[in-house]
């Protein structure tokens, strides 16, 4: 099973495609410029994700569920981005699964409050990488995809 992992963002959106045996197929980011109109940025995200889906043909999508407590304007813009992500995956007839940051951290490190360094070290170990993927958004997308792989494997193993 191929899993598309997505770390939502409208400036930088991290993505990864892995197999459920934790082999990396590819990863990267979709970047938009702050000088662009916001609707153009959303279109760029849609077009980029559509191309990734067409190229790699994942079986499902794993997305980080975002929580905000301070900036409502940032929350609204990220929410719009997530709407575009969900629409794009729906148009491709893909199921999606959302995981909170603490669920991802728990799945990857065994500790739901792990810091960025702990997460990056475990991503390097899990995927047997020589170095931590850059930018951080791509590494986060790998973690989100791996989280789903772990959850799927546990569910599959239990029946």
C-alpha atoms as a PDB file:
ATOM      1  CA  UNK A   1       0.000   0.000   0.000  1.00  0.00           C
ATOM      2  CA  UNK A   2       1.313   3.475  -0.904  1.00  0.00           C
ATOM      3  CA  UNK A   3       0.677   6.266   1.576  1.00  0.00           C
ATOM      4  CA  UNK A   4       0.785   9.972   0.745  1.00  0.00           C
ATOM      5  CA  UNK A   5       1.736  11.898   3.883  1.00  0.00           C
ATOM      6  CA  UNK A   6       0.930  15.614   4.024  1.00  0.00           C
ATOM      7  CA  UNK A   7       2.120  18.296   6.438  1.00  0.00           C
ATOM      8  CA  UNK A   8      -0.370  21.103   5.672  1.00  0.00           C
ATOM      9  CA  UNK A   9       0.839  24.629   5.081  1.00  0.00           C
ATOM     10  CA  UNK A  10       0.220  27.384   2.567  1.00  0.00           C
ATOM     11  CA  UNK A  11       3.791  28.739   2.414  1.00  0.00           C
ATOM     12  CA  UNK A  12       5.415  25.322   2.473  1.00  0.00           C
ATOM     13  CA  UNK A  13       3.402  22.108   2.259  1.00  0.00           C
ATOM     14  CA  UNK A  14       5.410  18.974   3.031  1.00  0.00           C
ATOM     15  CA  UNK A  15       4.579  15.733   1.230  1.00  0.00           C
ATOM     16  CA  UNK A  16       5.923  12.197   1.135  1.00  0.00           C
ATOM     17  CA  UNK A  17       4.995   8.953  -0.538  1.00  0.00           C
ATOM     18  CA  UNK A  18       6.009   5.741   1.198  1.00  0.00           C
ATOM     19  CA  UNK A  19       5.118   2.079   1.036  1.00  0.00           C
ATOM     20  CA  UNK A  20       3.546   0.598   4.142  1.00  0.00           C
ATOM     21  CA  UNK A  21       6.768  -1.368   4.694  1.00  0.00           C
ATOM     22  CA  UNK A  22       8.378   2.038   5.376  1.00  0.00           C
ATOM     23  CA  UNK A  23      10.334   2.332   2.147  1.00  0.00           C
ATOM     24  CA  UNK A  24      10.447   5.862   0.793  1.00  0.00           C
ATOM     25  CA  UNK A  25       9.244   6.390  -2.747  1.00  0.00           C
ATOM     26  CA  UNK A  26       9.763  10.170  -2.770  1.00  0.00           C
ATOM     27  CA  UNK A  27       9.261  13.308  -0.713  1.00  0.00           C
ATOM     28  CA  UNK A  28       9.432  17.057  -1.058  1.00  0.00           C
ATOM     29  CA  UNK A  29       7.555  20.302  -0.611  1.00  0.00           C
ATOM     30  CA  UNK A  30       5.157  22.519  -2.513  1.00  0.00           C
ATOM     31  CA  UNK A  31       6.161  26.162  -2.031  1.00  0.00           C
ATOM     32  CA  UNK A  32       4.060  29.248  -2.594  1.00  0.00           C
ATOM     33  CA  UNK A  33       5.177  32.850  -2.374  1.00  0.00           C
ATOM     34  CA  UNK A  34       3.704  35.308   0.117  1.00  0.00           C
ATOM     35  CA  UNK A  35       3.564  37.879  -2.689  1.00  0.00           C
ATOM     36  CA  UNK A  36       1.038  35.727  -4.598  1.00  0.00           C
ATOM     37  CA  UNK A  37      -2.701  36.172  -4.209  1.00  0.00           C
ATOM     38  CA  UNK A  38      -4.001  33.659  -1.696  1.00  0.00           C
ATOM     39  CA  UNK A  39      -6.340  32.001  -4.206  1.00  0.00           C
ATOM     40  CA  UNK A  40      -3.364  31.544  -6.560  1.00  0.00           C
ATOM     41  CA  UNK A  41      -1.433  29.901  -3.738  1.00  0.00           C
ATOM     42  CA  UNK A  42      -4.320  27.489  -3.108  1.00  0.00           C
ATOM     43  CA  UNK A  43      -4.506  26.678  -6.819  1.00  0.00           C
ATOM     44  CA  UNK A  44      -0.756  25.976  -6.840  1.00  0.00           C
ATOM     45  CA  UNK A  45      -1.213  23.564  -3.911  1.00  0.00           C
ATOM     46  CA  UNK A  46      -4.111  21.823  -5.669  1.00  0.00           C
ATOM     47  CA  UNK A  47      -2.164  21.529  -8.926  1.00  0.00           C
ATOM     48  CA  UNK A  48       0.961  20.271  -7.137  1.00  0.00           C
ATOM     49  CA  UNK A  49      -0.938  17.645  -5.147  1.00  0.00           C
ATOM     50  CA  UNK A  50      -2.841  16.562  -8.233  1.00  0.00           C
ATOM     51  CA  UNK A  51       0.479  15.995 -10.017  1.00  0.00           C
ATOM     52  CA  UNK A  52       1.925  14.064  -7.054  1.00  0.00           C
ATOM     53  CA  UNK A  53      -1.181  11.854  -6.920  1.00  0.00           C
ATOM     54  CA  UNK A  54      -1.069  11.282 -10.681  1.00  0.00           C
ATOM     55  CA  UNK A  55       2.646  10.442 -10.616  1.00  0.00           C
ATOM     56  CA  UNK A  56       2.760   8.164  -7.566  1.00  0.00           C
ATOM     57  CA  UNK A  57      -0.827   6.836  -7.392  1.00  0.00           C
ATOM     58  CA  UNK A  58      -1.083   6.466  -3.602  1.00  0.00           C
ATOM     59  CA  UNK A  59      -3.739   4.251  -2.056  1.00  0.00           C
ATOM     60  CA  UNK A  60      -4.562   6.636   0.790  1.00  0.00           C
ATOM     61  CA  UNK A  61      -3.613   9.967   2.320  1.00  0.00           C
ATOM     62  CA  UNK A  62      -2.436  10.742   5.839  1.00  0.00           C
ATOM     63  CA  UNK A  63      -2.746  14.371   6.988  1.00  0.00           C
ATOM     64  CA  UNK A  64      -1.649  16.126  10.144  1.00  0.00           C
ATOM     65  CA  UNK A  65      -4.659  17.513  11.995  1.00  0.00           C
ATOM     66  CA  UNK A  66      -3.815  21.084  12.912  1.00  0.00           C
ATOM     67  CA  UNK A  67      -4.813  22.829  16.143  1.00  0.00           C
ATOM     68  CA  UNK A  68      -4.457  26.570  16.768  1.00  0.00           C
ATOM     69  CA  UNK A  69      -4.768  28.487  19.962  1.00  0.00           C
ATOM     70  CA  UNK A  70      -3.415  31.951  19.101  1.00  0.00           C
ATOM     71  CA  UNK A  71      -3.537  33.272  15.541  1.00  0.00           C
ATOM     72  CA  UNK A  72      -7.027  33.094  14.054  1.00  0.00           C
ATOM     73  CA  UNK A  73      -5.890  34.528  10.698  1.00  0.00           C
ATOM     74  CA  UNK A  74      -3.225  31.818  10.345  1.00  0.00           C
ATOM     75  CA  UNK A  75      -5.753  29.204  11.448  1.00  0.00           C
ATOM     76  CA  UNK A  76      -8.216  30.350   8.796  1.00  0.00           C
ATOM     77  CA  UNK A  77      -5.611  30.252   6.014  1.00  0.00           C
ATOM     78  CA  UNK A  78      -4.334  26.802   7.018  1.00  0.00           C
ATOM     79  CA  UNK A  79      -7.971  25.636   7.244  1.00  0.00           C
ATOM     80  CA  UNK A  80      -8.539  26.837   3.681  1.00  0.00           C
ATOM     81  CA  UNK A  81      -5.420  24.930   2.628  1.00  0.00           C
ATOM     82  CA  UNK A  82      -6.686  21.773   4.307  1.00  0.00           C
ATOM     83  CA  UNK A  83      -9.977  22.240   2.457  1.00  0.00           C
ATOM     84  CA  UNK A  84      -8.066  22.274  -0.835  1.00  0.00           C
ATOM     85  CA  UNK A  85      -6.101  19.180   0.228  1.00  0.00           C
ATOM     86  CA  UNK A  86      -9.295  17.299   1.112  1.00  0.00           C
ATOM     87  CA  UNK A  87     -11.006  18.344  -2.117  1.00  0.00           C
ATOM     88  CA  UNK A  88      -7.986  17.272  -4.171  1.00  0.00           C
ATOM     89  CA  UNK A  89      -7.851  13.874  -2.473  1.00  0.00           C
ATOM     90  CA  UNK A  90     -11.614  13.430  -2.844  1.00  0.00           C
ATOM     91  CA  UNK A  91     -11.454  14.256  -6.564  1.00  0.00           C
ATOM     92  CA  UNK A  92      -8.802  11.528  -6.836  1.00  0.00           C
ATOM     93  CA  UNK A  93     -11.129   9.115  -4.967  1.00  0.00           C
ATOM     94  CA  UNK A  94      -8.639   8.680  -2.109  1.00  0.00           C
ATOM     95  CA  UNK A  95      -9.519   8.071   1.518  1.00  0.00           C
ATOM     96  CA  UNK A  96      -7.769  10.278   4.029  1.00  0.00           C
ATOM     97  CA  UNK A  97      -6.858   9.842   7.669  1.00  0.00           C
ATOM     98  CA  UNK A  98      -6.032  12.659  10.088  1.00  0.00           C
ATOM     99  CA  UNK A  99      -3.609  12.412  12.995  1.00  0.00           C
ATOM    100  CA  UNK A 100      -2.934  15.019  15.669  1.00  0.00           C
ATOM    101  CA  UNK A 101       0.667  16.091  16.258  1.00  0.00           C
ATOM    102  CA  UNK A 102       0.718  14.142  19.536  1.00  0.00           C
ATOM    103  CA  UNK A 103      -0.550  10.979  17.776  1.00  0.00           C
ATOM    104  CA  UNK A 104       2.241  11.309  15.202  1.00  0.00           C
ATOM    105  CA  UNK A 105       4.856  11.876  17.925  1.00  0.00           C
ATOM    106  CA  UNK A 106       3.541   8.910  19.929  1.00  0.00           C
ATOM    107  CA  UNK A 107       3.647   6.629  16.881  1.00  0.00           C
ATOM    108  CA  UNK A 108       7.155   7.695  15.862  1.00  0.00           C
ATOM    109  CA  UNK A 109       8.952   8.093  19.211  1.00  0.00           C
ATOM    110  CA  UNK A 110       6.669   6.432  21.740  1.00  0.00           C
ATOM    111  CA  UNK A 111       6.272   9.808  23.472  1.00  0.00           C
ATOM    112  CA  UNK A 112       3.432  12.169  22.529  1.00  0.00           C
ATOM    113  CA  UNK A 113       5.390  15.265  23.568  1.00  0.00           C
ATOM    114  CA  UNK A 114       8.636  14.503  21.740  1.00  0.00           C
ATOM    115  CA  UNK A 115      10.592  17.506  20.529  1.00  0.00           C
ATOM    116  CA  UNK A 116      11.631  18.192  16.930  1.00  0.00           C
ATOM    117  CA  UNK A 117      15.133  16.743  17.428  1.00  0.00           C
ATOM    118  CA  UNK A 118      13.749  13.464  18.796  1.00  0.00           C
ATOM    119  CA  UNK A 119      11.323  13.238  15.888  1.00  0.00           C
ATOM    120  CA  UNK A 120      14.002  13.925  13.295  1.00  0.00           C
ATOM    121  CA  UNK A 121      16.368  11.371  14.822  1.00  0.00           C
ATOM    122  CA  UNK A 122      13.639   8.716  14.724  1.00  0.00           C
ATOM    123  CA  UNK A 123      12.690   9.564  11.121  1.00  0.00           C
ATOM    124  CA  UNK A 124      16.343   9.104  10.182  1.00  0.00           C
ATOM    125  CA  UNK A 125      16.412   5.746  11.993  1.00  0.00           C
ATOM    126  CA  UNK A 126      13.020   4.436  10.795  1.00  0.00           C
ATOM    127  CA  UNK A 127      13.754   5.175   7.154  1.00  0.00           C
ATOM    128  CA  UNK A 128      17.496   4.327   7.416  1.00  0.00           C
ATOM    129  CA  UNK A 129      18.560   7.721   6.074  1.00  0.00           C
ATOM    130  CA  UNK A 130      22.074   9.161   6.153  1.00  0.00           C
ATOM    131  CA  UNK A 131      20.710  12.586   7.025  1.00  0.00           C
ATOM    132  CA  UNK A 132      17.493  14.255   8.123  1.00  0.00           C
ATOM    133  CA  UNK A 133      15.281  15.245   5.174  1.00  0.00           C
ATOM    134  CA  UNK A 134      15.106  18.988   4.502  1.00  0.00           C
ATOM    135  CA  UNK A 135      13.176  21.143   4.804  1.00  0.00           C
ATOM    136  CA  UNK A 136      11.534  20.119   8.087  1.00  0.00           C
ATOM    137  CA  UNK A 137       8.124  20.036   6.382  1.00  0.00           C
ATOM    138  CA  UNK A 138       9.247  17.085   4.227  1.00  0.00           C
ATOM    139  CA  UNK A 139      10.526  15.232   7.310  1.00  0.00           C
ATOM    140  CA  UNK A 140       7.200  15.944   9.028  1.00  0.00           C
ATOM    141  CA  UNK A 141       5.331  14.502   6.033  1.00  0.00           C
ATOM    142  CA  UNK A 142       7.408  11.315   6.313  1.00  0.00           C
ATOM    143  CA  UNK A 143       6.474  11.091  10.003  1.00  0.00           C
ATOM    144  CA  UNK A 144       2.781  11.539   9.199  1.00  0.00           C
ATOM    145  CA  UNK A 145       2.900   8.806   6.544  1.00  0.00           C
ATOM    146  CA  UNK A 146       4.821   6.481   8.894  1.00  0.00           C
ATOM    147  CA  UNK A 147       2.244   7.121  11.625  1.00  0.00           C
ATOM    148  CA  UNK A 148      -0.485   5.882   9.303  1.00  0.00           C
ATOM    149  CA  UNK A 149       1.602   2.869   8.313  1.00  0.00           C
ATOM    150  CA  UNK A 150       2.025   1.935  11.981  1.00  0.00           C
ATOM    151  CA  UNK A 151      -1.704   2.398  12.674  1.00  0.00           C
ATOM    152  CA  UNK A 152      -2.669   0.453   9.537  1.00  0.00           C
ATOM    153  CA  UNK A 153      -0.299  -2.402  10.363  1.00  0.00           C
ATOM    154  CA  UNK A 154      -1.662  -2.653  13.906  1.00  0.00           C
ATOM    155  CA  UNK A 155      -5.242  -2.609  12.669  1.00  0.00           C
ATOM    156  CA  UNK A 156      -4.432  -5.144   9.944  1.00  0.00           C
ATOM    157  CA  UNK A 157      -2.604  -7.417  12.371  1.00  0.00           C
ATOM    158  CA  UNK A 158      -5.501  -7.458  14.806  1.00  0.00           C
ATOM    159  CA  UNK A 159      -8.029  -8.434  12.219  1.00  0.00           C
END
